[in-house]
Amino acid sequence: MGTRVACIIPARMASSRFPGKPLVEIRGLPMIEHVRRRAALCKGFEEVVVATCDRQIAQVVERSGGRVLMTSSRHPAATDRVAEAAGKLDCTHVVNVQGDEILVLPRDLESLVQAIGQRPELAAWNAVASLETPGELGDPSVVKCVVSVSGRILFCGRNFSHLKAAGNGAQPVRKILGILGYRQDFLQRYPGLARTPLETLESVDQSRILEHDVLLQGIAFPRGYAGINLPGEVKAVEHLLDQDPLQRAVLHQVLKG
């Protein structure tokens, strides 16, 4: 049996830092639709679905012809929501694209699908990218990780500011992107794993994977485009949509529907 990779986009209205952000309009389109349509442009997915507990989000997606899976409102983390939705799909692997990854490029998603196909026996993958500024080391909105020489993710955290003066000492540090892959059988185990101290402390889903001794393989993306975590970040995203040639091209496809 070959791999069948589904894409699930978790989204909810009750974001602590930006309530209602999946429906914020950017260039006349709600953010959740930007993300769903970009994922749909990836040729490697058998299907693309949005997983949500909010009818407002579901209605917006369904009006645009997208598929929605309703999930519980009680999940402690986005990966738990993805696991519930994945249990309703016929697939061997799942790619989780967070609902605020509005600048994700279809070609990068295809590279993750290819990595899954090359080593389908692994349990989990996570897209990573190089830091762009020293300030990101201490920025808590940017989740970072330390990677091994083979790209395996060893540790995740939000504050790496102690490495600002380290020069080359910061080289093993990458930013974690909100784009993960899982083998379906591992994903169904994930909600049964006890929540772990670092996961709870910093609200980083990946820490539950690492603290339970599961290999999390990093997949390098050429660039880590910023998602939207706060209202003030909308303008930065709009600027990139205007100025970045790749982003302009994808935006044109997205707005065509």
C-alpha atoms as a PDB file:
ATOM      1  CA  MET A   1       0.000   0.000   0.000  1.00  0.00           C
ATOM      2  CA  GLY A   2       1.350   3.418  -0.953  1.00  0.00           C
ATOM      3  CA  THR A   3       1.075   6.582   1.063  1.00  0.00           C
ATOM      4  CA  ARG A   4      -2.166   8.566   1.097  1.00  0.00           C
ATOM      5  CA  VAL A   5      -1.521  11.990   2.585  1.00  0.00           C
ATOM      6  CA  ALA A   6      -4.386  14.162   3.766  1.00  0.00           C
ATOM      7  CA  CYS A   7      -4.068  17.802   4.816  1.00  0.00           C
ATOM      8  CA  ILE A   8      -5.935  18.983   7.902  1.00  0.00           C
ATOM      9  CA  ILE A   9      -6.126  22.669   8.842  1.00  0.00           C
ATOM     10  CA  PRO A  10      -7.118  23.186  12.501  1.00  0.00           C
ATOM     11  CA  ALA A  11      -8.825  26.477  13.299  1.00  0.00           C
ATOM     12  CA  ARG A  12     -10.840  27.984  16.132  1.00  0.00           C
ATOM     13  CA  MET A  13     -12.253  31.385  16.979  1.00  0.00           C
ATOM     14  CA  ALA A  14     -11.072  31.464  20.608  1.00  0.00           C
ATOM     15  CA  SER A  15      -7.421  32.377  20.074  1.00  0.00           C
ATOM     16  CA  SER A  16      -6.064  33.853  23.314  1.00  0.00           C
ATOM     17  CA  ARG A  17      -3.919  36.448  21.526  1.00  0.00           C
ATOM     18  CA  PHE A  18      -6.176  37.228  18.542  1.00  0.00           C
ATOM     19  CA  PRO A  19      -9.795  36.108  18.999  1.00  0.00           C
ATOM     20  CA  GLY A  20     -11.573  35.430  15.719  1.00  0.00           C
ATOM     21  CA  LYS A  21      -8.378  35.514  13.652  1.00  0.00           C
ATOM     22  CA  PRO A  22      -9.364  32.699  11.207  1.00  0.00           C
ATOM     23  CA  LEU A  23     -11.990  35.040   9.770  1.00  0.00           C
ATOM     24  CA  VAL A  24      -9.909  38.222   9.594  1.00  0.00           C
ATOM     25  CA  GLU A  25     -10.125  39.463   5.993  1.00  0.00           C
ATOM     26  CA  ILE A  26      -6.943  39.940   4.005  1.00  0.00           C
ATOM     27  CA  ARG A  27      -7.273  41.119   0.436  1.00  0.00           C
ATOM     28  CA  GLY A  28     -11.000  40.473   0.705  1.00  0.00           C
ATOM     29  CA  LEU A  29     -10.704  36.826   1.740  1.00  0.00           C
ATOM     30  CA  PRO A  30     -10.878  35.310   5.260  1.00  0.00           C
ATOM     31  CA  MET A  31      -7.534  33.986   6.461  1.00  0.00           C
ATOM     32  CA  ILE A  32      -8.789  30.406   6.782  1.00  0.00           C
ATOM     33  CA  GLU A  33      -9.677  30.436   3.076  1.00  0.00           C
ATOM     34  CA  HIS A  34      -6.229  31.737   2.126  1.00  0.00           C
ATOM     35  CA  VAL A  35      -4.685  28.778   3.969  1.00  0.00           C
ATOM     36  CA  ARG A  36      -7.147  26.182   2.649  1.00  0.00           C
ATOM     37  CA  ARG A  37      -6.781  27.306  -0.954  1.00  0.00           C
ATOM     38  CA  ARG A  38      -2.992  27.318  -0.736  1.00  0.00           C
ATOM     39  CA  ALA A  39      -3.055  23.777   0.643  1.00  0.00           C
ATOM     40  CA  ALA A  40      -5.432  22.746  -2.153  1.00  0.00           C
ATOM     41  CA  LEU A  41      -2.821  23.916  -4.679  1.00  0.00           C
ATOM     42  CA  CYS A  42      -0.421  21.245  -3.366  1.00  0.00           C
ATOM     43  CA  LYS A  43      -0.578  18.264  -5.726  1.00  0.00           C
ATOM     44  CA  GLY A  44       0.500  15.772  -3.043  1.00  0.00           C
ATOM     45  CA  PHE A  45      -2.675  15.778  -0.952  1.00  0.00           C
ATOM     46  CA  GLU A  46      -5.487  13.287  -1.422  1.00  0.00           C
ATOM     47  CA  GLU A  47      -7.814  15.809   0.218  1.00  0.00           C
ATOM     48  CA  VAL A  48      -7.771  19.023   2.220  1.00  0.00           C
ATOM     49  CA  VAL A  49     -10.134  19.580   5.147  1.00  0.00           C
ATOM     50  CA  VAL A  50     -10.618  22.209   7.834  1.00  0.00           C
ATOM     51  CA  ALA A  51     -11.085  20.912  11.407  1.00  0.00           C
ATOM     52  CA  THR A  52     -12.965  23.293  13.680  1.00  0.00           C
ATOM     53  CA  CYS A  53     -15.357  23.460  16.608  1.00  0.00           C
ATOM     54  CA  ASP A  54     -16.884  26.736  15.390  1.00  0.00           C
ATOM     55  CA  ARG A  55     -19.859  26.897  13.011  1.00  0.00           C
ATOM     56  CA  GLN A  56     -18.802  30.409  11.911  1.00  0.00           C
ATOM     57  CA  ILE A  57     -15.595  29.014  10.441  1.00  0.00           C
ATOM     58  CA  ALA A  58     -17.372  25.995   8.969  1.00  0.00           C
ATOM     59  CA  GLN A  59     -19.926  28.171   7.185  1.00  0.00           C
ATOM     60  CA  VAL A  60     -17.237  30.354   5.599  1.00  0.00           C
ATOM     61  CA  VAL A  61     -15.299  27.337   4.317  1.00  0.00           C
ATOM     62  CA  GLU A  62     -18.364  25.464   3.094  1.00  0.00           C
ATOM     63  CA  ARG A  63     -19.637  28.512   1.186  1.00  0.00           C
ATOM     64  CA  SER A  64     -16.362  28.427  -0.745  1.00  0.00           C
ATOM     65  CA  GLY A  65     -16.746  24.716  -1.535  1.00  0.00           C
ATOM     66  CA  GLY A  66     -14.318  23.408   1.104  1.00  0.00           C
ATOM     67  CA  ARG A  67     -14.788  20.370   3.312  1.00  0.00           C
ATOM     68  CA  VAL A  68     -15.130  20.787   7.079  1.00  0.00           C
ATOM     69  CA  LEU A  69     -14.937  18.260   9.913  1.00  0.00           C
ATOM     70  CA  MET A  70     -16.505  19.441  13.155  1.00  0.00           C
ATOM     71  CA  THR A  71     -14.508  18.595  16.275  1.00  0.00           C
ATOM     72  CA  SER A  72     -14.778  18.937  20.035  1.00  0.00           C
ATOM     73  CA  SER A  73     -14.248  22.342  21.630  1.00  0.00           C
ATOM     74  CA  ARG A  74     -12.364  20.766  24.539  1.00  0.00           C
ATOM     75  CA  HIS A  75      -9.062  19.833  22.873  1.00  0.00           C
ATOM     76  CA  PRO A  76      -6.015  21.082  24.822  1.00  0.00           C
ATOM     77  CA  ALA A  77      -3.881  21.492  21.693  1.00  0.00           C
ATOM     78  CA  ALA A  78      -4.249  21.838  17.930  1.00  0.00           C
ATOM     79  CA  THR A  79      -2.711  18.412  17.329  1.00  0.00           C
ATOM     80  CA  ASP A  80      -5.453  16.817  19.436  1.00  0.00           C
ATOM     81  CA  ARG A  81      -8.031  18.466  17.145  1.00  0.00           C
ATOM     82  CA  VAL A  82      -6.164  17.217  14.079  1.00  0.00           C
ATOM     83  CA  ALA A  83      -6.104  13.691  15.510  1.00  0.00           C
ATOM     84  CA  GLU A  84      -9.886  13.675  15.990  1.00  0.00           C
ATOM     85  CA  ALA A  85     -10.456  14.822  12.425  1.00  0.00           C
ATOM     86  CA  ALA A  86      -7.893  12.396  11.005  1.00  0.00           C
ATOM     87  CA  GLY A  87      -9.760   9.480  12.549  1.00  0.00           C
ATOM     88  CA  LYS A  88     -12.565  10.185  10.053  1.00  0.00           C
ATOM     89  CA  LEU A  89     -10.297  10.090   6.985  1.00  0.00           C
ATOM     90  CA  ASP A  90      -8.911   7.294   4.800  1.00  0.00           C
ATOM     91  CA  CYS A  91      -5.211   8.113   4.790  1.00  0.00           C
ATOM     92  CA  THR A  92      -1.839   6.761   5.877  1.00  0.00           C
ATOM     93  CA  HIS A  93      -0.347  10.133   6.814  1.00  0.00           C
ATOM     94  CA  VAL A  94      -1.569  13.596   7.727  1.00  0.00           C
ATOM     95  CA  VAL A  95      -0.065  17.030   7.194  1.00  0.00           C
ATOM     96  CA  ASN A  96      -1.217  19.613   9.728  1.00  0.00           C
ATOM     97  CA  VAL A  97      -1.129  23.155   8.338  1.00  0.00           C
ATOM     98  CA  GLN A  98      -1.962  25.598  11.109  1.00  0.00           C
ATOM     99  CA  GLY A  99      -4.807  27.943  10.230  1.00  0.00           C
ATOM    100  CA  ASP A 100      -2.631  31.051  10.602  1.00  0.00           C
ATOM    101  CA  GLU A 101       0.064  29.910   8.123  1.00  0.00           C
ATOM    102  CA  ILE A 102      -1.346  32.312   5.544  1.00  0.00           C
ATOM    103  CA  LEU A 103       1.887  32.562   3.533  1.00  0.00           C
ATOM    104  CA  VAL A 104       2.615  28.837   3.169  1.00  0.00           C
ATOM    105  CA  LEU A 105       3.755  27.966  -0.359  1.00  0.00           C
ATOM    106  CA  PRO A 106       2.240  24.950  -2.138  1.00  0.00           C
ATOM    107  CA  ARG A 107       5.668  23.933  -3.427  1.00  0.00           C
ATOM    108  CA  ASP A 108       6.987  23.744   0.156  1.00  0.00           C
ATOM    109  CA  LEU A 109       4.048  21.548   1.162  1.00  0.00           C
ATOM    110  CA  GLU A 110       4.909  19.281  -1.758  1.00  0.00           C
ATOM    111  CA  SER A 111       8.477  18.945  -0.433  1.00  0.00           C
ATOM    112  CA  LEU A 112       7.077  17.783   2.915  1.00  0.00           C
ATOM    113  CA  VAL A 113       4.850  15.233   1.192  1.00  0.00           C
ATOM    114  CA  GLN A 114       7.905  13.981  -0.720  1.00  0.00           C
ATOM    115  CA  ALA A 115       9.860  13.627   2.543  1.00  0.00           C
ATOM    116  CA  ILE A 116       7.024  11.565   4.004  1.00  0.00           C
ATOM    117  CA  GLY A 117       7.051   9.337   0.936  1.00  0.00           C
ATOM    118  CA  GLN A 118      10.795   8.760   1.258  1.00  0.00           C
ATOM    119  CA  ARG A 119      10.600   7.612   4.899  1.00  0.00           C
ATOM    120  CA  PRO A 120       6.956   6.730   5.579  1.00  0.00           C
ATOM    121  CA  GLU A 121       7.895   4.621   8.593  1.00  0.00           C
ATOM    122  CA  LEU A 122       8.764   7.691  10.702  1.00  0.00           C
ATOM    123  CA  ALA A 123       6.195   8.922  13.192  1.00  0.00           C
ATOM    124  CA  ALA A 124       6.381  12.680  12.755  1.00  0.00           C
ATOM    125  CA  TRP A 125       7.910  15.524  10.742  1.00  0.00           C
ATOM    126  CA  ASN A 126       8.013  19.302  11.232  1.00  0.00           C
ATOM    127  CA  ALA A 127       8.896  22.050   8.780  1.00  0.00           C
ATOM    128  CA  VAL A 128      11.767  24.237   9.983  1.00  0.00           C
ATOM    129  CA  ALA A 129      13.602  27.254   8.574  1.00  0.00           C
ATOM    130  CA  SER A 130      16.598  29.401   9.408  1.00  0.00           C
ATOM    131  CA  LEU A 131      16.161  32.389  11.688  1.00  0.00           C
ATOM    132  CA  GLU A 132      16.123  35.664   9.776  1.00  0.00           C
ATOM    133  CA  THR A 133      17.090  38.103  12.553  1.00  0.00           C
ATOM    134  CA  PRO A 134      18.892  37.788  15.906  1.00  0.00           C
ATOM    135  CA  GLY A 135      15.777  39.221  17.544  1.00  0.00           C
ATOM    136  CA  GLU A 136      13.842  36.059  16.747  1.00  0.00           C
ATOM    137  CA  LEU A 137      15.935  34.154  19.292  1.00  0.00           C
ATOM    138  CA  GLY A 138      14.149  35.940  22.121  1.00  0.00           C
ATOM    139  CA  ASP A 139      10.768  36.471  20.460  1.00  0.00           C
ATOM    140  CA  PRO A 140       8.252  34.227  22.274  1.00  0.00           C
ATOM    141  CA  SER A 141       5.864  34.282  19.292  1.00  0.00           C
ATOM    142  CA  VAL A 142       8.524  32.450  17.246  1.00  0.00           C
ATOM    143  CA  VAL A 143       8.901  28.830  18.375  1.00  0.00           C
ATOM    144  CA  LYS A 144      12.469  27.623  17.964  1.00  0.00           C
ATOM    145  CA  CYS A 145      14.133  24.233  17.997  1.00  0.00           C
ATOM    146  CA  VAL A 146      17.588  22.695  18.173  1.00  0.00           C
ATOM    147  CA  VAL A 147      18.367  20.205  15.410  1.00  0.00           C
ATOM    148  CA  SER A 148      20.929  17.419  15.164  1.00  0.00           C
ATOM    149  CA  VAL A 149      23.329  16.974  12.238  1.00  0.00           C
ATOM    150  CA  SER A 150      20.752  14.687  10.577  1.00  0.00           C
ATOM    151  CA  GLY A 151      17.975  17.254  11.024  1.00  0.00           C
ATOM    152  CA  ARG A 152      16.296  15.498  13.923  1.00  0.00           C
ATOM    153  CA  ILE A 153      14.570  17.950  16.256  1.00  0.00           C
ATOM    154  CA  LEU A 154      16.017  17.627  19.750  1.00  0.00           C
ATOM    155  CA  PHE A 155      14.309  20.380  21.733  1.00  0.00           C
ATOM    156  CA  CYS A 156      11.685  23.103  21.247  1.00  0.00           C
ATOM    157  CA  GLY A 157      11.226  26.370  23.114  1.00  0.00           C
ATOM    158  CA  ARG A 158      10.222  30.003  22.806  1.00  0.00           C
ATOM    159  CA  ASN A 159      13.107  31.915  24.404  1.00  0.00           C
ATOM    160  CA  PHE A 160      16.646  31.318  23.132  1.00  0.00           C
ATOM    161  CA  SER A 161      17.852  34.848  23.914  1.00  0.00           C
ATOM    162  CA  HIS A 162      20.864  33.488  25.812  1.00  0.00           C
ATOM    163  CA  LEU A 163      22.335  32.545  22.398  1.00  0.00           C
ATOM    164  CA  LYS A 164      22.313  36.104  21.003  1.00  0.00           C
ATOM    165  CA  ALA A 165      26.005  36.581  21.710  1.00  0.00           C
ATOM    166  CA  ALA A 166      26.965  33.058  20.732  1.00  0.00           C
ATOM    167  CA  GLY A 167      27.602  33.681  17.039  1.00  0.00           C
ATOM    168  CA  ASN A 168      28.021  30.280  15.432  1.00  0.00           C
ATOM    169  CA  GLY A 169      26.681  28.716  18.617  1.00  0.00           C
ATOM    170  CA  ALA A 170      23.200  29.529  17.377  1.00  0.00           C
ATOM    171  CA  GLN A 171      23.676  27.542  14.158  1.00  0.00           C
ATOM    172  CA  PRO A 172      21.780  24.418  15.333  1.00  0.00           C
ATOM    173  CA  VAL A 173      18.763  26.629  16.114  1.00  0.00           C
ATOM    174  CA  ARG A 174      15.899  26.796  13.622  1.00  0.00           C
ATOM    175  CA  LYS A 175      12.458  28.295  13.741  1.00  0.00           C
ATOM    176  CA  ILE A 176       9.589  25.833  13.958  1.00  0.00           C
ATOM    177  CA  LEU A 177       6.838  26.366  11.396  1.00  0.00           C
ATOM    178  CA  GLY A 178       3.218  25.498  11.983  1.00  0.00           C
ATOM    179  CA  ILE A 179       3.369  22.711   9.423  1.00  0.00           C
ATOM    180  CA  LEU A 180       3.720  19.145  10.697  1.00  0.00           C
ATOM    181  CA  GLY A 181       3.373  15.655   9.308  1.00  0.00           C
ATOM    182  CA  TYR A 182       2.349  12.486  11.131  1.00  0.00           C
ATOM    183  CA  ARG A 183       1.902   8.827  10.397  1.00  0.00           C
ATOM    184  CA  GLN A 184      -1.791   8.166  10.929  1.00  0.00           C
ATOM    185  CA  ASP A 185      -1.322   5.445  13.549  1.00  0.00           C
ATOM    186  CA  PHE A 186       0.967   7.682  15.610  1.00  0.00           C
ATOM    187  CA  LEU A 187      -1.445  10.595  15.319  1.00  0.00           C
ATOM    188  CA  GLN A 188      -4.226   8.439  16.740  1.00  0.00           C
ATOM    189  CA  ARG A 189      -1.953   7.672  19.721  1.00  0.00           C
ATOM    190  CA  TYR A 190      -1.085  11.328  20.341  1.00  0.00           C
ATOM    191  CA  PRO A 191      -4.201  12.323  22.359  1.00  0.00           C
ATOM    192  CA  GLY A 192      -3.603   9.362  24.674  1.00  0.00           C
ATOM    193  CA  LEU A 193      -0.094  10.525  25.542  1.00  0.00           C
ATOM    194  CA  ALA A 194       0.026  12.386  28.835  1.00  0.00           C
ATOM    195  CA  ARG A 195       0.531  16.129  28.489  1.00  0.00           C
ATOM    196  CA  THR A 196       4.124  16.923  29.366  1.00  0.00           C
ATOM    197  CA  PRO A 197       5.760  19.659  31.475  1.00  0.00           C
ATOM    198  CA  LEU A 198       7.353  21.629  28.632  1.00  0.00           C
ATOM    199  CA  GLU A 199       4.278  21.317  26.431  1.00  0.00           C
ATOM    200  CA  THR A 200       2.122  22.732  29.216  1.00  0.00           C
ATOM    201  CA  LEU A 201       4.608  25.450  30.194  1.00  0.00           C
ATOM    202  CA  GLU A 202       5.092  26.891  26.710  1.00  0.00           C
ATOM    203  CA  SER A 203       2.046  25.645  24.755  1.00  0.00           C
ATOM    204  CA  VAL A 204       4.182  23.886  22.152  1.00  0.00           C
ATOM    205  CA  ASP A 205       2.507  20.718  20.814  1.00  0.00           C
ATOM    206  CA  GLN A 206       5.819  19.316  19.570  1.00  0.00           C
ATOM    207  CA  SER A 207       7.154  19.040  23.114  1.00  0.00           C
ATOM    208  CA  ARG A 208       4.651  16.269  23.857  1.00  0.00           C
ATOM    209  CA  ILE A 209       6.134  14.304  20.954  1.00  0.00           C
ATOM    210  CA  LEU A 210       9.734  14.845  22.057  1.00  0.00           C
ATOM    211  CA  GLU A 211       9.130  14.282  25.765  1.00  0.00           C
ATOM    212  CA  HIS A 212       7.593  10.906  24.946  1.00  0.00           C
ATOM    213  CA  ASP A 213      10.778   9.876  23.084  1.00  0.00           C
ATOM    214  CA  VAL A 214       9.232   9.975  19.614  1.00  0.00           C
ATOM    215  CA  LEU A 215      11.534  10.972  16.752  1.00  0.00           C
ATOM    216  CA  LEU A 216      10.486  14.277  15.196  1.00  0.00           C
ATOM    217  CA  GLN A 217      12.262  14.826  11.889  1.00  0.00           C
ATOM    218  CA  GLY A 218      12.898  18.390  10.748  1.00  0.00           C
ATOM    219  CA  ILE A 219      12.228  19.212   7.091  1.00  0.00           C
ATOM    220  CA  ALA A 220      14.028  22.348   5.937  1.00  0.00           C
ATOM    221  CA  PHE A 221      11.962  24.916   4.063  1.00  0.00           C
ATOM    222  CA  PRO A 222      13.829  27.638   2.120  1.00  0.00           C
ATOM    223  CA  ARG A 223      12.168  30.349   4.164  1.00  0.00           C
ATOM    224  CA  GLY A 224       9.901  30.552   7.173  1.00  0.00           C
ATOM    225  CA  TYR A 225       7.194  33.004   6.271  1.00  0.00           C
ATOM    226  CA  ALA A 226       5.491  34.564   9.277  1.00  0.00           C
ATOM    227  CA  GLY A 227       2.011  33.529  10.293  1.00  0.00           C
ATOM    228  CA  ILE A 228      -0.432  35.829  12.065  1.00  0.00           C
ATOM    229  CA  ASN A 229      -0.511  35.602  15.851  1.00  0.00           C
ATOM    230  CA  LEU A 230      -1.405  39.208  16.717  1.00  0.00           C
ATOM    231  CA  PRO A 231      -3.551  41.878  15.023  1.00  0.00           C
ATOM    232  CA  GLY A 232      -0.483  44.025  14.373  1.00  0.00           C
ATOM    233  CA  GLU A 233       1.057  41.309  12.174  1.00  0.00           C
ATOM    234  CA  VAL A 234      -1.633  41.617   9.494  1.00  0.00           C
ATOM    235  CA  LYS A 235       0.104  44.598   7.862  1.00  0.00           C
ATOM    236  CA  ALA A 236       3.409  42.706   7.629  1.00  0.00           C
ATOM    237  CA  VAL A 237       1.652  39.851   5.848  1.00  0.00           C
ATOM    238  CA  GLU A 238      -0.052  42.259   3.447  1.00  0.00           C
ATOM    239  CA  HIS A 239       3.325  43.835   2.699  1.00  0.00           C
ATOM    240  CA  LEU A 240       4.802  40.443   1.775  1.00  0.00           C
ATOM    241  CA  LEU A 241       1.799  39.638  -0.409  1.00  0.00           C
ATOM    242  CA  ASP A 242       2.497  42.871  -2.293  1.00  0.00           C
ATOM    243  CA  GLN A 243       6.291  42.734  -2.472  1.00  0.00           C
ATOM    244  CA  ASP A 244       7.343  39.070  -2.656  1.00  0.00           C
ATOM    245  CA  PRO A 245       7.081  37.741  -6.250  1.00  0.00           C
ATOM    246  CA  LEU A 246       6.305  34.176  -5.134  1.00  0.00           C
ATOM    247  CA  GLN A 247       3.627  35.403  -2.751  1.00  0.00           C
ATOM    248  CA  ARG A 248       2.047  37.631  -5.400  1.00  0.00           C
ATOM    249  CA  ALA A 249       1.838  34.688  -7.806  1.00  0.00           C
ATOM    250  CA  VAL A 250       0.224  32.388  -5.245  1.00  0.00           C
ATOM    251  CA  LEU A 251      -2.150  35.120  -4.095  1.00  0.00           C
ATOM    252  CA  HIS A 252      -3.352  35.510  -7.688  1.00  0.00           C
ATOM    253  CA  GLN A 253      -4.182  31.794  -7.808  1.00  0.00           C
ATOM    254  CA  VAL A 254      -5.855  31.897  -4.400  1.00  0.00           C
ATOM    255  CA  LEU A 255      -8.107  34.825  -5.244  1.00  0.00           C
ATOM    256  CA  LYS A 256      -9.226  33.061  -8.433  1.00  0.00           C
ATOM    257  CA  GLY A 257     -10.555  30.296  -6.147  1.00  0.00           C
END
